[in-house]
Protein backbone atom coordinates (compact mmCIF):
# COMPACT_ATOMS: atom_id res chain seq x y z
CA MET A 1 -14.83 0.56 -22.31
CA GLY A 2 -11.89 2.71 -20.93
CA HIS A 3 -10.42 2.65 -17.51
CA ILE A 4 -12.38 5.00 -15.21
CA ASN A 5 -9.62 6.60 -13.10
CA THR A 6 -12.50 7.91 -10.89
CA LEU A 7 -13.33 4.48 -9.29
CA THR A 8 -9.56 3.80 -8.45
CA GLY A 9 -9.58 6.83 -6.46
CA LEU A 10 -13.38 5.85 -5.22
CA ARG A 11 -11.69 2.81 -3.99
CA GLY A 12 -8.99 4.32 -2.45
CA MET A 13 -11.26 6.32 -0.41
CA ALA A 14 -12.53 3.38 0.60
CA ALA A 15 -9.48 1.99 2.20
CA PHE A 16 -8.84 5.57 3.81
CA ILE A 17 -12.61 5.10 5.52
CA VAL A 18 -11.59 1.63 6.54
CA PHE A 19 -8.36 2.98 7.83
CA VAL A 20 -10.11 5.63 9.93
CA SER A 21 -12.65 3.42 11.46
CA HIS A 22 -10.19 1.51 12.56
CA CYS A 23 -7.80 4.09 13.90
CA ALA A 24 -10.70 5.81 15.44
CA ASN A 25 -11.45 2.58 17.31
CA LEU A 26 -7.70 2.53 18.77
CA ASN A 27 -8.72 6.03 19.87
CA MET A 28 -6.17 7.52 17.49
CA LEU A 29 -9.22 9.63 16.47
CA PRO A 30 -12.31 10.83 17.62
CA GLY A 31 -14.68 7.92 18.66
CA PHE A 32 -17.31 8.71 16.54
CA LEU A 33 -15.38 8.10 13.09
CA GLY A 34 -15.42 4.09 13.96
CA ASN A 35 -17.85 1.91 15.20
CA GLY A 36 -18.95 0.65 12.07
CA PHE A 37 -17.79 3.32 9.75
CA GLY A 38 -15.49 0.94 8.29
CA GLN A 39 -18.19 -0.93 7.01
CA ILE A 40 -19.11 1.79 4.74
CA GLY A 41 -15.74 1.68 2.81
CA VAL A 42 -15.99 -2.60 2.74
CA MET A 43 -19.80 -1.36 0.95
CA ILE A 44 -18.01 0.38 -1.50
CA PHE A 45 -15.59 -2.26 -2.41
CA PHE A 46 -18.13 -4.80 -2.63
CA ILE A 47 -19.95 -2.79 -5.14
CA LEU A 48 -17.12 -1.76 -7.49
CA SER A 49 -15.90 -5.05 -7.35
CA GLY A 50 -19.03 -6.51 -8.84
CA PHE A 51 -19.32 -3.20 -11.19
CA LEU A 52 -15.64 -4.03 -12.36
CA MET A 53 -16.44 -8.11 -12.92
CA GLY A 54 -19.39 -6.99 -15.17
CA TYR A 55 -17.36 -4.28 -16.85
CA LEU A 56 -14.64 -6.09 -17.81
CA TYR A 57 -15.97 -9.59 -18.58
CA LEU A 58 -19.79 -9.32 -19.56
CA ASP A 59 -19.31 -8.31 -23.09
CA LYS A 60 -17.45 -11.09 -23.99
CA ASN A 61 -18.54 -14.30 -24.52
CA ALA A 62 -18.07 -17.26 -22.00
CA THR A 63 -15.64 -19.59 -23.45
CA GLY A 64 -13.52 -21.71 -21.75
CA ARG A 65 -10.27 -19.84 -23.07
CA ASN A 66 -12.28 -16.36 -21.28
CA ILE A 67 -12.90 -17.93 -18.50
CA ARG A 68 -9.44 -19.24 -18.06
CA GLN A 69 -8.06 -15.64 -18.10
CA TYR A 70 -10.38 -14.42 -15.80
CA ILE A 71 -9.35 -17.10 -13.19
CA ILE A 72 -5.91 -16.56 -14.50
CA ALA A 73 -6.29 -12.75 -13.10
CA ARG A 74 -8.38 -13.05 -10.39
CA VAL A 75 -5.67 -15.27 -9.01
CA GLY A 76 -2.99 -13.48 -9.65
CA ARG A 77 -4.35 -10.24 -8.53
CA VAL A 78 -5.89 -11.65 -4.67
CA PHE A 79 -4.06 -14.90 -3.63
CA PRO A 80 -0.30 -14.27 -3.36
CA LEU A 81 -0.25 -11.56 -1.06
CA TYR A 82 -3.54 -13.12 1.24
CA ILE A 83 -1.79 -16.68 1.30
CA LEU A 84 1.57 -14.46 2.04
CA LEU A 85 0.09 -12.86 4.82
CA ILE A 86 -1.77 -15.63 6.04
CA CYS A 87 1.28 -17.41 6.20
CA ILE A 88 3.58 -14.78 8.04
CA SER A 89 0.73 -14.50 10.50
CA VAL A 90 1.06 -17.80 11.97
CA LEU A 91 4.63 -17.89 11.79
CA ILE A 92 5.08 -14.75 13.84
CA SER A 93 2.02 -16.15 16.29
CA LEU A 94 3.85 -19.21 17.08
CA THR A 95 7.33 -18.21 17.21
CA ILE A 96 7.96 -14.51 17.21
CA TYR A 97 5.33 -12.43 18.62
CA PRO A 98 2.30 -14.42 20.42
CA GLU A 99 0.34 -10.66 20.72
CA PHE A 100 0.90 -10.21 17.16
CA HIS A 101 -3.12 -8.45 15.64
CA TYR A 102 -3.38 -11.03 13.37
CA HIS A 103 -2.94 -14.16 16.04
CA ILE A 104 -3.62 -17.29 13.97
CA THR A 105 -2.69 -20.77 15.12
CA ASN A 106 -5.36 -22.78 14.84
CA PRO A 107 -4.94 -25.38 12.25
CA GLN A 108 -8.31 -25.72 11.71
CA ILE A 109 -8.85 -21.49 10.88
CA VAL A 110 -5.68 -21.41 8.89
CA LEU A 111 -6.84 -24.46 6.28
CA ARG A 112 -10.37 -22.24 6.17
CA ALA A 113 -8.81 -19.46 5.65
CA LEU A 114 -6.42 -20.68 2.83
CA LEU A 115 -9.65 -22.56 1.41
CA PHE A 116 -11.61 -19.02 1.20
CA ILE A 117 -13.54 -20.22 3.07
CA ASP A 118 -13.66 -17.63 6.05
CA ALA A 119 -10.78 -15.95 7.41
CA PRO A 120 -10.72 -14.10 10.75
CA PHE A 121 -9.63 -10.40 11.44
CA GLU A 122 -9.81 -7.75 8.56
CA PHE A 123 -9.37 -10.97 5.80
CA TRP A 124 -12.30 -12.10 6.09
CA THR A 125 -13.12 -10.08 3.29
CA ILE A 126 -10.91 -11.69 1.08
CA PRO A 127 -12.91 -14.92 0.77
CA VAL A 128 -15.90 -13.30 0.59
CA GLU A 129 -14.56 -11.84 -2.72
CA VAL A 130 -13.23 -15.44 -3.98
CA GLN A 131 -16.48 -16.89 -3.58
CA PHE A 132 -17.94 -13.87 -5.55
CA TYR A 133 -15.44 -14.83 -8.37
CA ILE A 134 -16.85 -17.79 -8.38
CA VAL A 135 -20.54 -17.67 -8.32
CA PHE A 136 -19.95 -14.83 -10.96
CA ILE A 137 -18.46 -17.63 -13.64
CA ILE A 138 -22.27 -18.85 -13.30
CA PHE A 139 -23.52 -15.52 -13.78
CA TRP A 140 -21.23 -15.13 -16.81
CA SER A 141 -22.30 -18.32 -18.11
CA LEU A 142 -26.16 -17.84 -18.07
CA TYR A 143 -25.98 -13.79 -18.97
CA ALA A 144 -23.73 -15.16 -22.24
CA ARG A 145 -26.57 -18.00 -23.38
CA GLY A 146 -29.25 -15.13 -23.34
CA THR A 147 -30.80 -15.80 -19.73
CA GLY A 148 -33.34 -13.51 -19.65
CA ALA A 149 -33.33 -10.64 -16.65
CA PHE A 150 -35.79 -12.25 -14.66
CA SER A 151 -33.83 -15.63 -14.24
CA LEU A 152 -30.76 -13.38 -13.47
CA ALA A 153 -32.64 -11.71 -10.82
CA LEU A 154 -34.06 -14.80 -9.22
CA PHE A 155 -30.58 -15.90 -9.05
CA ALA A 156 -29.19 -12.88 -7.54
CA ILE A 157 -32.00 -13.08 -4.96
CA MET A 158 -31.06 -17.53 -5.19
CA THR A 159 -27.55 -16.67 -3.33
CA ILE A 160 -28.62 -14.99 -0.23
CA ILE A 161 -31.10 -17.79 0.42
CA PRO A 162 -28.04 -19.69 2.47
CA SER A 163 -27.13 -17.06 4.98
CA ALA A 164 -30.80 -16.19 5.82
CA ILE A 165 -31.20 -20.12 6.90
CA VAL A 166 -27.81 -19.57 8.89
CA ALA A 167 -28.86 -16.14 10.30
CA LEU A 168 -32.69 -17.98 11.06
CA LYS A 169 -31.70 -20.85 12.71
CA LEU A 170 -28.21 -20.33 14.51
CA GLY A 171 -28.83 -16.63 14.81
CA PHE A 172 -25.64 -15.13 13.36
CA VAL A 173 -24.52 -14.06 10.37
CA PRO A 174 -21.83 -15.92 8.36
CA ALA A 175 -19.00 -13.39 6.87
CA VAL A 176 -19.43 -15.98 3.35
CA PHE A 177 -20.73 -13.83 0.05
CA SER A 178 -24.31 -15.28 0.65
CA THR A 179 -24.42 -12.59 3.40
CA TYR A 180 -23.16 -9.90 0.86
CA SER A 181 -24.20 -11.00 -2.60
CA LEU A 182 -26.45 -8.56 -3.49
CA SER A 183 -23.91 -5.42 -3.19
CA PHE A 184 -22.17 -7.49 -5.75
CA PHE A 185 -25.17 -8.04 -8.00
CA VAL A 186 -25.64 -4.23 -7.57
CA GLY A 187 -22.43 -3.49 -9.23
CA ILE A 188 -23.16 -6.29 -11.83
CA LEU A 189 -26.97 -4.69 -12.62
CA THR A 190 -24.91 -0.86 -12.96
CA ALA A 191 -22.15 -2.42 -15.44
CA LEU A 192 -25.05 -3.98 -17.46
CA ASN A 193 -26.78 -0.98 -17.74
CA TYR A 194 -23.56 1.41 -18.08
CA THR A 195 -23.39 2.15 -21.64
CA ARG A 196 -27.29 3.68 -21.46
CA ILE A 197 -26.68 5.47 -17.79
CA SER A 198 -23.43 7.33 -19.66
CA GLN A 199 -25.62 7.98 -22.58
CA SER A 200 -28.26 9.30 -21.05
CA ARG A 201 -27.97 13.19 -20.26
CA TRP A 202 -30.58 13.15 -17.24
CA CYS A 203 -28.74 10.25 -15.64
CA VAL A 204 -25.41 12.54 -16.30
CA LYS A 205 -27.19 15.87 -15.20
CA THR A 206 -28.88 14.18 -11.95
CA ALA A 207 -25.16 13.09 -11.02
CA ALA A 208 -23.67 16.37 -10.99
CA VAL A 209 -26.03 18.02 -9.48
CA LEU A 210 -26.29 15.11 -6.15
CA ALA A 211 -22.27 14.19 -6.32
CA LEU A 212 -21.39 16.82 -3.24
CA PRO A 213 -24.42 15.92 -1.62
CA CYS A 214 -24.18 12.41 -1.67
CA LEU A 215 -20.38 12.89 -1.00
CA ILE A 216 -20.93 15.10 2.19
CA ALA A 217 -23.85 12.60 3.83
CA LEU A 218 -21.23 10.19 3.19
CA LEU A 219 -19.02 11.61 5.43
CA LEU A 220 -22.22 12.69 7.89
CA ASN A 221 -23.72 9.49 7.50
CA LEU A 222 -21.84 7.90 10.57
CA PRO A 223 -23.17 4.87 12.46
CA ALA A 224 -21.84 5.33 15.99
CA VAL A 225 -23.33 9.13 15.63
CA ARG A 226 -26.61 7.41 14.52
CA LEU A 227 -26.45 4.30 17.05
CA GLU A 228 -25.79 7.16 20.03
CA ALA A 229 -28.85 9.57 18.43
CA GLY A 230 -31.33 6.15 18.30
CA TRP A 231 -31.03 6.73 14.59
CA VAL A 232 -30.57 3.10 13.53
CA LEU A 233 -32.97 -0.16 12.66
CA ALA A 234 -31.53 -2.40 15.60
CA GLU A 235 -28.79 -1.83 17.72
CA ASN A 236 -27.03 -5.47 16.40
CA PHE A 237 -23.81 -4.54 14.33
CA PHE A 238 -24.82 -6.44 11.13
CA VAL A 239 -28.62 -4.70 11.08
CA ARG A 240 -27.58 -1.06 11.71
CA THR A 241 -24.69 -0.81 9.16
CA TRP A 242 -25.25 -3.51 5.73
CA ALA A 243 -28.88 -3.59 6.40
CA ASP A 244 -29.91 -0.26 6.50
CA PRO A 245 -31.28 1.28 3.73
CA LEU A 246 -29.81 4.73 3.81
CA ASN A 247 -26.79 3.17 3.98
CA TRP A 248 -26.77 1.78 1.29
CA LEU A 249 -28.88 5.13 -0.61
CA ILE A 250 -26.07 6.71 0.47
CA VAL A 251 -22.73 4.74 -0.65
CA TYR A 252 -24.66 3.99 -4.09
CA GLY A 253 -25.48 7.66 -4.60
CA VAL A 254 -21.19 8.07 -4.33
CA PHE A 255 -20.59 5.02 -6.52
CA PHE A 256 -22.82 6.20 -9.13
CA CYS A 257 -21.74 9.86 -9.68
CA ALA A 258 -17.78 8.70 -9.09
CA MET A 259 -18.83 5.91 -12.39
CA LEU A 260 -19.86 9.35 -14.19
CA ASN A 261 -17.05 10.70 -13.99
CA VAL A 262 -18.44 13.88 -12.77
CA ARG A 263 -16.99 16.87 -13.03
CA GLN A 264 -17.00 17.60 -8.79
CA PHE A 265 -15.56 14.14 -8.26
CA LYS A 266 -12.74 14.95 -10.34
CA PHE A 267 -10.26 15.24 -6.86
CA PHE A 268 -10.99 11.09 -7.08
CA LYS A 269 -8.62 11.79 -10.41
CA SER A 270 -6.03 13.19 -8.29
CA ARG A 271 -2.48 11.55 -8.25
CA PRO A 272 -2.44 11.04 -4.24
CA VAL A 273 -6.31 9.44 -4.49
CA VAL A 274 -5.41 7.53 -7.65
CA PHE A 275 -2.03 6.38 -6.06
CA LEU A 276 -3.93 4.71 -2.98
CA GLY A 277 -6.61 3.53 -4.99
CA GLU A 278 -3.69 1.32 -7.04
CA ILE A 279 -2.09 0.47 -3.64
CA SER A 280 -5.12 -0.39 -1.92
CA PHE A 281 -5.17 -3.67 -1.51
CA GLY A 282 -1.86 -4.14 0.35
CA PHE A 283 -2.69 -1.00 2.37
CA TYR A 284 -5.88 -2.57 3.65
CA LEU A 285 -4.23 -5.81 4.53
CA LEU A 286 -1.35 -4.65 6.12
CA HIS A 287 -3.26 -1.16 8.02
CA TYR A 288 -4.20 -3.34 11.29
CA PRO A 289 -1.27 -4.73 12.66
CA ILE A 290 0.55 -1.61 11.74
CA LEU A 291 -1.69 0.29 13.92
CA LYS A 292 -1.96 -2.24 16.92
CA LEU A 293 1.77 -1.70 16.72
CA ILE A 294 2.11 2.06 16.58
CA HIS A 295 -0.50 2.14 19.48
CA THR A 296 1.72 0.09 21.85
CA LEU A 297 4.87 1.64 21.33
CA GLY A 298 3.81 4.53 23.39
CA PHE A 299 4.19 7.47 20.85
CA PRO A 300 2.35 11.10 21.55
CA GLN A 301 -1.13 10.31 20.30
CA SER A 302 -0.87 13.23 18.32
CA LEU A 303 1.13 11.58 16.14
CA GLN A 304 -0.18 8.14 15.70
CA PHE A 305 -2.51 8.44 13.48
CA LEU A 306 0.53 10.10 11.00
CA LEU A 307 2.97 7.72 11.60
CA CYS A 308 0.49 5.16 10.74
CA LEU A 309 -0.68 6.44 7.56
CA VAL A 310 2.73 7.30 6.05
CA LEU A 311 3.85 3.15 7.61
CA THR A 312 1.05 1.78 5.94
CA THR A 313 0.91 3.77 2.48
CA VAL A 314 4.94 2.84 2.38
CA LEU A 315 4.59 -0.85 3.02
CA ALA A 316 1.01 -1.08 1.07
CA TRP A 317 3.91 0.41 -2.43
CA LEU A 318 6.91 -1.77 -1.61
CA SER A 319 4.26 -4.77 -1.57
CA TYR A 320 2.35 -3.38 -4.70
CA THR A 321 5.75 -2.40 -6.24
CA TYR A 322 8.10 -5.34 -5.40
CA PHE A 323 5.63 -8.51 -4.73
CA GLU A 324 1.84 -7.66 -5.96
CA LYS A 325 3.11 -7.04 -9.52
CA PRO A 326 5.82 -8.94 -10.17
CA VAL A 327 4.31 -12.42 -8.65
CA ASN A 328 0.78 -10.90 -10.56
CA LEU A 329 2.79 -11.20 -14.43
CA TRP A 330 4.79 -13.97 -13.28
CA ILE A 331 1.59 -15.97 -13.01
CA ARG A 332 -0.22 -14.58 -15.98
CA LYS A 333 2.67 -15.50 -18.00
CA ALA A 334 3.43 -19.00 -16.43
CA SER A 335 -0.56 -19.36 -17.68
CA ALA A 336 0.34 -17.90 -20.79
CA ARG A 337 3.11 -20.00 -21.32
CA PHE A 338 1.08 -23.30 -20.76
CA THR A 339 -2.46 -22.06 -22.39
CA GLN A 340 -0.59 -20.18 -25.10
CA SER A 341 -2.56 -17.47 -24.66
CA PRO A 342 -1.19 -14.02 -24.71
CA VAL A 343 -0.62 -11.95 -21.63
CA ILE A 344 -2.21 -8.89 -20.57
CA SER A 345 0.26 -6.83 -18.71
CA ARG A 346 -1.52 -4.72 -16.98
CA MET A 347 -3.38 -5.59 -13.57
CA SER A 348 -6.95 -5.21 -13.31
CA TYR A 349 -8.44 -4.97 -9.86
CA PRO A 350 -11.33 -6.07 -8.04
């Protein structure tokens, strides 16, 4: 299977949606662009992760060597920047700037974050992602052993149970993989049927027709607007974003059309959008402290959004070029020397 640049661009758009939503929450943009719009971007991230793991690995045998290479790739991609930022946040919070956005000082919270149990602030998605990587190994092993579709579907549904129990017993929805597992499995299911879908004339033609309407619907289906108009299932934040079938239908429609690389989505393959997709991990993790800093420095409101976008992009590119890629490659080389396996230099993205 070849690299699908359209999906890299879609990841860039997802990161930009999160960025726009948080700018709106800080009054840098109109308020209707915030209050839940960022969750739409995270939905795209999670579906993409599920699809790409299935796309990259499910056609391989779940041998010890392949699983080991998978773990090395995931660790090299996600762990270094995340752990570095957690440690820097603790240092800044304790010694330099107590008002830092990522204010983390509680040892228990730090430990839980470093163990990928759960994490505060925008870090919350990373433990969810890592927990998915662990569960994916089980799914991969079952699939490689020829486990039937019914049993695999039952396994996917069972992953929801822990969060359902917590929600019913304790009254809150935990920010762990179990809560968002279906989004990852939707991506995996699509990956399993990718060849059949991509070779179907009907699917390709339907995607070409629906591409622009789905994209327009994505940009118009703003949770804040729907909340104000009363077009929501409930006022609860989780229910009106993650539990809303309309959100899922629109998000999956955009993903589906991007996956099929339809001509109407060729802008997703443009260099600026693909570039944002390539640096999206750092862009996502770095953006909110920058927003808070620019917001508190008293710059004219008309310039704050642009300044934040430029500064976040530059720092994310520096992180990607001079930290993420070199450390990722070093981890792969070190692991290859230890396991006597070949090094794959290309970074693959969650």
